[in-house]
């Protein structure tokens, strides 16, 4: 076995060598179930071992590592949320990809969604649709007429809402069938059955395009340098400036304490913002991005932009956490800020070569 490098950078999560070897052995030999694999990989990563090193030692690809880690966290929350023993037993041996799709829901919502996916034997893509339907349904101030707060009714409501927007009979029929499949209450089933005789089409304004930007040149990637002060200065002044470490992929820097800054170009939309702040997240936390591979993004929010308009996305509170959402009509919940820029990291074709300007010039 190749020795992994020291994990001294995370001393509070340090693992002794025997524990590391045992975790790697169990992962390499696929001992235990996938929930245990997720916990083992999480322990190794917290101790400072990166996904590539773990992959070389165990065969678990980085994307698999992320799936089982997050999936195992969702699994452990099922009991807290009240999931049945049958559901927990089923997902203890399979379905990490299904539970991974439920990661953005609350503990109670995860348990209810897991029950639904277990009952209907849903796959990963179907579980993603269920999670989105439940999350969207939970944002409604009041329950729609005829629908309960059961996750099955949440999925049925989404199907009912979408079916009313289609003139194409084949697509409309598919959505009606989906709604009838998941409807939990007789009133929800009745609402959907009405679409069999009511062919009224309710047009829906498409959601606006998210304001993505991407760093395209080195000139757009400024480097932040700390300021010592103005002469006269002492050697102690020079020593007192903390080391600045740039964190990829956006060049974020942290100083002593809780403050951090990130460099951004002087785009007009940023210069016009009154109170911009930055939120870091993965792209799957953004609306209308469920089918894309999650990637890190930097979201700039103008906290002064709290006036609703139907061409913008906003930050709102959802179950005690921040969330991004678009509203086609004025919402009845407070808006905490307007999303003005979403930045993707610059694509670097070769990190090593890019540091040698003479190679690029040639």
Protein backbone atom coordinates (compact mmCIF):
# COMPACT_ATOMS: atom_id res chain seq x y z
CA UNK A 1 0.00 0.00 0.00
CA UNK A 2 1.25 3.47 -0.88
CA UNK A 3 1.50 5.64 2.21
CA UNK A 4 -0.78 8.63 2.13
CA UNK A 5 0.82 11.97 3.03
CA UNK A 6 0.63 13.37 6.51
CA UNK A 7 -2.66 14.92 7.59
CA UNK A 8 -1.02 17.47 9.86
CA UNK A 9 -2.98 20.25 8.17
CA UNK A 10 -6.05 19.03 10.05
CA UNK A 11 -4.70 18.03 13.49
CA UNK A 12 -8.10 18.22 15.15
CA UNK A 13 -9.36 15.48 12.78
CA UNK A 14 -6.12 13.47 12.73
CA UNK A 15 -6.30 9.68 12.42
CA UNK A 16 -3.52 7.41 13.54
CA UNK A 17 -1.81 5.28 10.92
CA UNK A 18 -3.48 2.02 11.98
CA UNK A 19 -6.95 3.54 11.67
CA UNK A 20 -6.14 4.92 8.23
CA UNK A 21 -4.85 1.55 7.03
CA UNK A 22 -7.96 -0.21 8.34
CA UNK A 23 -10.33 2.25 6.68
CA UNK A 24 -8.47 1.94 3.38
CA UNK A 25 -8.49 -1.85 3.59
CA UNK A 26 -12.25 -1.99 4.17
CA UNK A 27 -12.85 0.39 1.29
CA UNK A 28 -10.50 -1.47 -1.03
CA UNK A 29 -12.17 -4.80 -0.23
CA UNK A 30 -15.69 -3.27 -0.23
CA UNK A 31 -16.38 -4.56 3.27
CA UNK A 32 -19.62 -3.44 4.92
CA UNK A 33 -22.37 -1.52 3.16
CA UNK A 34 -22.27 1.72 1.19
CA UNK A 35 -23.36 3.75 4.23
CA UNK A 36 -20.23 2.60 6.06
CA UNK A 37 -18.13 3.40 3.00
CA UNK A 38 -19.47 6.95 3.00
CA UNK A 39 -18.60 7.40 6.68
CA UNK A 40 -15.09 5.99 6.14
CA UNK A 41 -14.36 8.24 3.16
CA UNK A 42 -15.71 11.26 5.04
CA UNK A 43 -13.36 10.49 7.95
CA UNK A 44 -10.38 10.29 5.62
CA UNK A 45 -11.26 13.54 3.85
CA UNK A 46 -11.81 15.39 7.14
CA UNK A 47 -8.39 14.18 8.24
CA UNK A 48 -6.83 15.86 5.21
CA UNK A 49 -6.64 13.15 2.54
CA UNK A 50 -7.87 14.37 -0.83
CA UNK A 51 -10.26 12.46 -3.11
CA UNK A 52 -7.54 11.63 -5.67
CA UNK A 53 -5.35 10.00 -3.04
CA UNK A 54 -8.30 7.97 -1.73
CA UNK A 55 -9.17 6.93 -5.30
CA UNK A 56 -5.65 5.65 -5.93
CA UNK A 57 -5.75 3.60 -2.72
CA UNK A 58 -9.32 2.25 -2.90
CA UNK A 59 -10.69 2.51 -6.44
CA UNK A 60 -13.51 4.84 -5.37
CA UNK A 61 -13.62 7.62 -7.96
CA UNK A 62 -14.02 11.18 -6.58
CA UNK A 63 -17.58 11.46 -7.91
CA UNK A 64 -18.44 8.15 -6.21
CA UNK A 65 -16.89 9.38 -2.99
CA UNK A 66 -19.06 12.48 -3.00
CA UNK A 67 -22.18 10.42 -3.72
CA UNK A 68 -21.70 7.91 -0.90
CA UNK A 69 -20.63 10.59 1.60
CA UNK A 70 -23.69 12.75 0.97
CA UNK A 71 -25.95 9.72 0.54
CA UNK A 72 -24.83 8.30 3.90
CA UNK A 73 -25.54 11.64 5.58
CA UNK A 74 -29.05 11.57 4.11
CA UNK A 75 -29.47 7.96 5.23
CA UNK A 76 -28.56 8.78 8.84
CA UNK A 77 -31.15 11.58 8.82
CA UNK A 78 -33.97 9.22 7.78
CA UNK A 79 -34.50 7.86 11.28
CA UNK A 80 -34.57 11.38 12.73
CA UNK A 81 -37.17 12.29 10.13
CA UNK A 82 -39.36 9.31 10.98
CA UNK A 83 -38.72 6.97 8.03
CA UNK A 84 -40.01 3.42 8.46
CA UNK A 85 -37.80 0.46 9.24
CA UNK A 86 -38.60 -1.06 5.84
CA UNK A 87 -37.39 2.05 4.04
CA UNK A 88 -34.21 2.31 6.11
CA UNK A 89 -33.50 -1.38 5.63
CA UNK A 90 -33.95 -1.08 1.86
CA UNK A 91 -31.61 1.88 1.52
CA UNK A 92 -28.99 0.40 3.84
CA UNK A 93 -27.84 -1.89 1.02
CA UNK A 94 -28.58 0.10 -2.14
CA UNK A 95 -29.77 3.43 -3.49
CA UNK A 96 -26.97 5.84 -2.59
CA UNK A 97 -27.67 7.67 -5.87
CA UNK A 98 -31.37 8.01 -4.97
CA UNK A 99 -30.69 9.35 -1.46
CA UNK A 100 -28.06 11.72 -2.85
CA UNK A 101 -30.82 13.50 -4.81
CA UNK A 102 -32.68 14.20 -1.53
CA UNK A 103 -29.78 16.11 0.01
CA UNK A 104 -31.34 19.59 -0.25
CA UNK A 105 -34.49 18.65 1.68
CA UNK A 106 -35.04 18.93 5.43
CA UNK A 107 -34.79 15.80 7.61
CA UNK A 108 -38.58 15.42 7.66
CA UNK A 109 -38.84 15.99 3.92
CA UNK A 110 -36.02 13.51 3.27
CA UNK A 111 -37.79 10.81 5.26
CA UNK A 112 -41.11 11.41 3.48
CA UNK A 113 -39.40 11.51 0.08
CA UNK A 114 -37.46 8.32 0.83
CA UNK A 115 -40.72 6.58 1.74
CA UNK A 116 -42.17 7.71 -1.59
CA UNK A 117 -39.16 6.61 -3.65
CA UNK A 118 -39.14 3.26 -1.85
CA UNK A 119 -42.86 2.67 -2.32
CA UNK A 120 -42.78 3.51 -6.04
CA UNK A 121 -39.30 2.00 -6.67
CA UNK A 122 -38.01 5.23 -8.22
CA UNK A 123 -34.60 5.66 -9.81
CA UNK A 124 -32.14 8.55 -9.46
CA UNK A 125 -33.73 10.78 -12.12
CA UNK A 126 -37.21 10.25 -10.73
CA UNK A 127 -35.94 10.94 -7.21
CA UNK A 128 -34.48 14.24 -8.42
CA UNK A 129 -37.92 15.25 -9.77
CA UNK A 130 -39.56 14.25 -6.48
CA UNK A 131 -37.06 16.31 -4.47
CA UNK A 132 -37.63 19.36 -6.66
CA UNK A 133 -41.41 19.01 -6.42
CA UNK A 134 -41.27 18.75 -2.61
CA UNK A 135 -38.92 21.69 -2.29
CA UNK A 136 -41.02 23.91 -4.59
CA UNK A 137 -44.22 22.83 -2.82
CA UNK A 138 -42.77 23.72 0.60
CA UNK A 139 -42.24 27.33 -0.54
CA UNK A 140 -45.97 27.90 -1.06
CA UNK A 141 -47.53 30.09 1.63
CA UNK A 142 -50.79 28.13 1.59
CA UNK A 143 -51.66 24.66 0.33
CA UNK A 144 -53.20 24.68 -3.17
CA UNK A 145 -56.89 23.76 -3.21
CA UNK A 146 -57.33 19.99 -3.21
CA UNK A 147 -53.74 19.10 -2.34
CA UNK A 148 -52.36 18.07 1.06
CA UNK A 149 -48.81 18.43 2.39
CA UNK A 150 -48.05 14.76 1.65
CA UNK A 151 -45.04 14.36 -0.68
CA UNK A 152 -47.19 12.35 -3.11
CA UNK A 153 -49.57 15.30 -3.39
CA UNK A 154 -46.57 17.62 -3.87
CA UNK A 155 -45.46 15.60 -6.91
CA UNK A 156 -49.08 15.37 -8.11
CA UNK A 157 -49.44 19.16 -7.83
CA UNK A 158 -46.32 19.73 -9.92
CA UNK A 159 -47.68 17.33 -12.58
CA UNK A 160 -51.10 19.05 -12.47
CA UNK A 161 -49.53 22.50 -12.80
CA UNK A 162 -47.33 21.46 -15.73
CA UNK A 163 -50.10 19.54 -17.52
CA UNK A 164 -52.26 22.68 -17.63
CA UNK A 165 -49.50 24.45 -19.61
CA UNK A 166 -49.38 21.94 -22.48
CA UNK A 167 -51.49 21.83 -25.62
CA UNK A 168 -49.68 18.71 -26.79
CA UNK A 169 -52.04 15.88 -25.82
CA UNK A 170 -49.30 13.28 -25.51
CA UNK A 171 -47.26 15.32 -23.04
CA UNK A 172 -50.40 16.43 -21.22
CA UNK A 173 -51.54 12.80 -20.89
CA UNK A 174 -48.11 11.75 -19.58
CA UNK A 175 -48.24 14.38 -16.85
CA UNK A 176 -51.83 13.50 -15.91
CA UNK A 177 -50.80 9.84 -15.58
CA UNK A 178 -47.85 10.88 -13.42
CA UNK A 179 -50.11 12.98 -11.20
CA UNK A 180 -52.58 10.13 -10.75
CA UNK A 181 -49.71 7.76 -9.91
CA UNK A 182 -48.46 9.90 -7.03
CA UNK A 183 -51.66 11.57 -5.78
CA UNK A 184 -52.12 10.62 -2.13
CA UNK A 185 -55.50 12.14 -1.29
CA UNK A 186 -58.85 11.67 -3.11
CA UNK A 187 -59.14 15.43 -3.53
CA UNK A 188 -55.76 15.62 -5.28
CA UNK A 189 -56.75 12.74 -7.55
CA UNK A 190 -60.01 14.50 -8.35
CA UNK A 191 -58.19 17.72 -9.28
CA UNK A 192 -56.01 15.84 -11.75
CA UNK A 193 -58.90 13.83 -13.18
CA UNK A 194 -60.64 17.10 -14.03
CA UNK A 195 -57.90 17.73 -16.58
CA UNK A 196 -59.26 14.79 -18.58
CA UNK A 197 -62.29 16.90 -19.51
CA UNK A 198 -60.95 20.42 -19.02
CA UNK A 199 -58.48 21.26 -21.81
CA UNK A 200 -57.93 24.88 -20.79
CA UNK A 201 -54.30 25.88 -21.27
CA UNK A 202 -52.75 28.15 -18.65
CA UNK A 203 -49.69 29.83 -20.14
CA UNK A 204 -46.64 30.00 -17.91
CA UNK A 205 -43.98 32.66 -18.29
CA UNK A 206 -40.59 30.93 -18.69
CA UNK A 207 -38.05 31.53 -15.98
CA UNK A 208 -35.37 34.11 -16.87
CA UNK A 209 -31.85 33.01 -17.74
CA UNK A 210 -29.52 32.91 -14.74
CA UNK A 211 -26.81 35.65 -14.96
CA UNK A 212 -23.73 33.47 -15.44
CA UNK A 213 -20.30 34.95 -16.07
CA UNK A 214 -16.97 33.20 -16.47
CA UNK A 215 -13.39 34.38 -15.98
CA UNK A 216 -11.85 34.24 -19.45
CA UNK A 217 -8.42 35.85 -19.16
CA UNK A 218 -5.63 36.32 -16.65
CA UNK A 219 -6.38 40.07 -16.61
CA UNK A 220 -9.74 39.26 -15.06
CA UNK A 221 -8.08 37.39 -12.19
CA UNK A 222 -6.56 40.08 -9.92
CA UNK A 223 -4.44 39.06 -6.96
CA UNK A 224 -5.24 40.47 -3.54
CA UNK A 225 -2.19 41.68 -1.60
CA UNK A 226 -2.35 42.81 2.05
CA UNK A 227 -1.20 46.36 2.90
CA UNK A 228 1.44 46.83 5.60
CA UNK A 229 0.88 50.56 5.95
CA UNK A 230 2.66 53.85 5.11
CA UNK A 231 6.24 54.74 5.90
CA UNK A 232 7.73 55.01 8.45
CA UNK A 233 7.23 51.32 9.34
CA UNK A 234 8.98 48.91 11.72
CA UNK A 235 10.04 45.28 11.17
CA UNK A 236 7.22 44.31 13.52
CA UNK A 237 4.74 46.05 11.19
CA UNK A 238 6.01 43.87 8.37
CA UNK A 239 5.80 40.68 10.42
CA UNK A 240 2.32 41.44 11.73
CA UNK A 241 0.67 41.13 8.32
CA UNK A 242 -0.86 37.63 8.14
CA UNK A 243 -0.03 35.18 5.38
CA UNK A 244 -2.56 35.37 2.56
CA UNK A 245 -3.52 32.01 1.09
CA UNK A 246 -5.54 31.99 -2.14
CA UNK A 247 -8.23 29.31 -2.28
CA UNK A 248 -9.29 27.87 -5.61
CA UNK A 249 -11.26 28.03 -7.82
CA UNK A 250 -12.14 31.72 -7.30
CA UNK A 251 -9.02 33.08 -5.60
CA UNK A 252 -10.80 33.66 -2.29
CA UNK A 253 -8.47 34.77 0.52
CA UNK A 254 -8.84 34.57 4.29
CA UNK A 255 -7.13 36.58 7.01
CA UNK A 256 -7.06 36.05 10.78
CA UNK A 257 -10.59 35.98 12.14
CA UNK A 258 -13.76 35.32 10.21
CA UNK A 259 -13.32 37.88 7.41
CA UNK A 260 -12.56 36.90 3.82
CA UNK A 261 -12.39 38.70 0.49
CA UNK A 262 -12.60 37.51 -3.10
CA UNK A 263 -11.32 39.32 -6.20
CA UNK A 264 -13.83 40.24 -8.90
CA UNK A 265 -13.47 42.29 -12.09
CA UNK A 266 -15.02 45.74 -12.34
CA UNK A 267 -18.08 44.65 -14.28
CA UNK A 268 -20.69 47.39 -14.54
CA UNK A 269 -23.31 45.26 -12.83
CA UNK A 270 -21.02 45.03 -9.78
CA UNK A 271 -20.16 48.72 -9.79
CA UNK A 272 -23.87 49.57 -9.82
CA UNK A 273 -24.68 47.34 -6.85
CA UNK A 274 -25.38 49.16 -3.58
CA UNK A 275 -24.57 46.38 -1.09
CA UNK A 276 -22.99 43.37 -2.84
CA UNK A 277 -22.01 40.25 -0.92
CA UNK A 278 -20.73 36.87 -2.11
CA UNK A 279 -22.18 33.41 -1.47
CA UNK A 280 -20.21 30.29 -2.43
CA UNK A 281 -22.12 27.15 -3.37
CA UNK A 282 -22.41 24.35 -5.90
CA UNK A 283 -24.45 24.92 -9.05
CA UNK A 284 -27.07 22.37 -8.00
CA UNK A 285 -28.27 24.84 -5.35
CA UNK A 286 -29.41 27.17 -8.15
CA UNK A 287 -32.90 26.99 -9.68
CA UNK A 288 -33.29 25.16 -13.02
CA UNK A 289 -29.86 23.51 -12.73
CA UNK A 290 -30.86 20.06 -11.45
CA UNK A 291 -29.66 18.09 -14.48
CA UNK A 292 -26.14 19.54 -14.55
CA UNK A 293 -23.12 18.05 -12.80
CA UNK A 294 -22.69 20.10 -9.60
CA UNK A 295 -19.79 22.56 -9.94
CA UNK A 296 -18.57 25.38 -7.68
CA UNK A 297 -20.01 28.81 -8.44
CA UNK A 298 -19.72 32.22 -6.86
CA UNK A 299 -23.04 34.06 -6.45
CA UNK A 300 -23.04 37.83 -5.98
CA UNK A 301 -26.13 39.17 -4.22
CA UNK A 302 -27.09 42.82 -3.85
CA UNK A 303 -28.63 42.97 -0.38
CA UNK A 304 -30.21 46.32 -1.27
CA UNK A 305 -32.20 44.71 -4.11
CA UNK A 306 -35.27 43.65 -2.15
CA UNK A 307 -37.92 44.97 -4.57
CA UNK A 308 -39.50 42.12 -6.54
CA UNK A 309 -39.47 41.97 -10.33
CA UNK A 310 -40.21 38.99 -12.55
CA UNK A 311 -36.88 39.08 -14.40
CA UNK A 312 -34.62 38.46 -11.41
CA UNK A 313 -33.71 35.70 -8.99
CA UNK A 314 -33.72 36.44 -5.26
CA UNK A 315 -32.32 35.13 -1.99
CA UNK A 316 -34.99 34.03 0.47
CA UNK A 317 -35.12 32.11 3.73
CA UNK A 318 -36.27 28.51 3.48
CA UNK A 319 -36.43 26.33 6.60
CA UNK A 320 -33.92 28.57 8.34
CA UNK A 321 -31.40 28.54 5.50
CA UNK A 322 -30.71 30.80 2.53
CA UNK A 323 -32.09 29.68 -0.81
CA UNK A 324 -32.26 31.06 -4.36
CA UNK A 325 -35.63 31.35 -6.10
CA UNK A 326 -37.45 32.99 -9.00
CA UNK A 327 -41.06 34.14 -8.56
CA UNK A 328 -43.38 34.72 -11.51
CA UNK A 329 -45.71 36.72 -9.24
CA UNK A 330 -44.92 38.91 -6.23
CA UNK A 331 -44.19 36.58 -3.29
CA UNK A 332 -45.63 36.86 0.18
CA UNK A 333 -42.29 36.18 1.85
CA UNK A 334 -39.44 38.67 2.50
CA UNK A 335 -36.79 39.05 -0.20
CA UNK A 336 -33.28 39.24 1.26
CA UNK A 337 -31.44 40.33 -1.86
CA UNK A 338 -31.26 40.09 -5.65
CA UNK A 339 -28.87 37.79 -7.53
CA UNK A 340 -26.86 40.00 -9.88
CA UNK A 341 -23.94 37.82 -11.00
CA UNK A 342 -23.11 34.11 -10.94
CA UNK A 343 -19.46 33.41 -11.71
CA UNK A 344 -18.01 30.15 -12.97
CA UNK A 345 -14.29 29.58 -12.37
CA UNK A 346 -11.87 30.14 -15.23
CA UNK A 347 -11.03 27.02 -17.22
CA UNK A 348 -7.31 26.30 -16.80
CA UNK A 349 -6.10 23.79 -19.38
CA UNK A 350 -2.91 23.01 -17.47
CA UNK A 351 -2.17 24.50 -14.06
CA UNK A 352 1.54 23.78 -14.36
CA UNK A 353 2.02 25.12 -17.87
CA UNK A 354 -0.07 28.21 -17.13
CA UNK A 355 2.48 29.24 -14.48
CA UNK A 356 5.33 29.16 -17.03
CA UNK A 357 4.74 32.15 -19.29
CA UNK A 358 7.61 31.17 -21.59
CA UNK A 359 5.80 27.93 -22.51
CA UNK A 360 2.60 29.81 -23.31
CA UNK A 361 4.45 32.43 -25.37
CA UNK A 362 6.02 29.75 -27.53
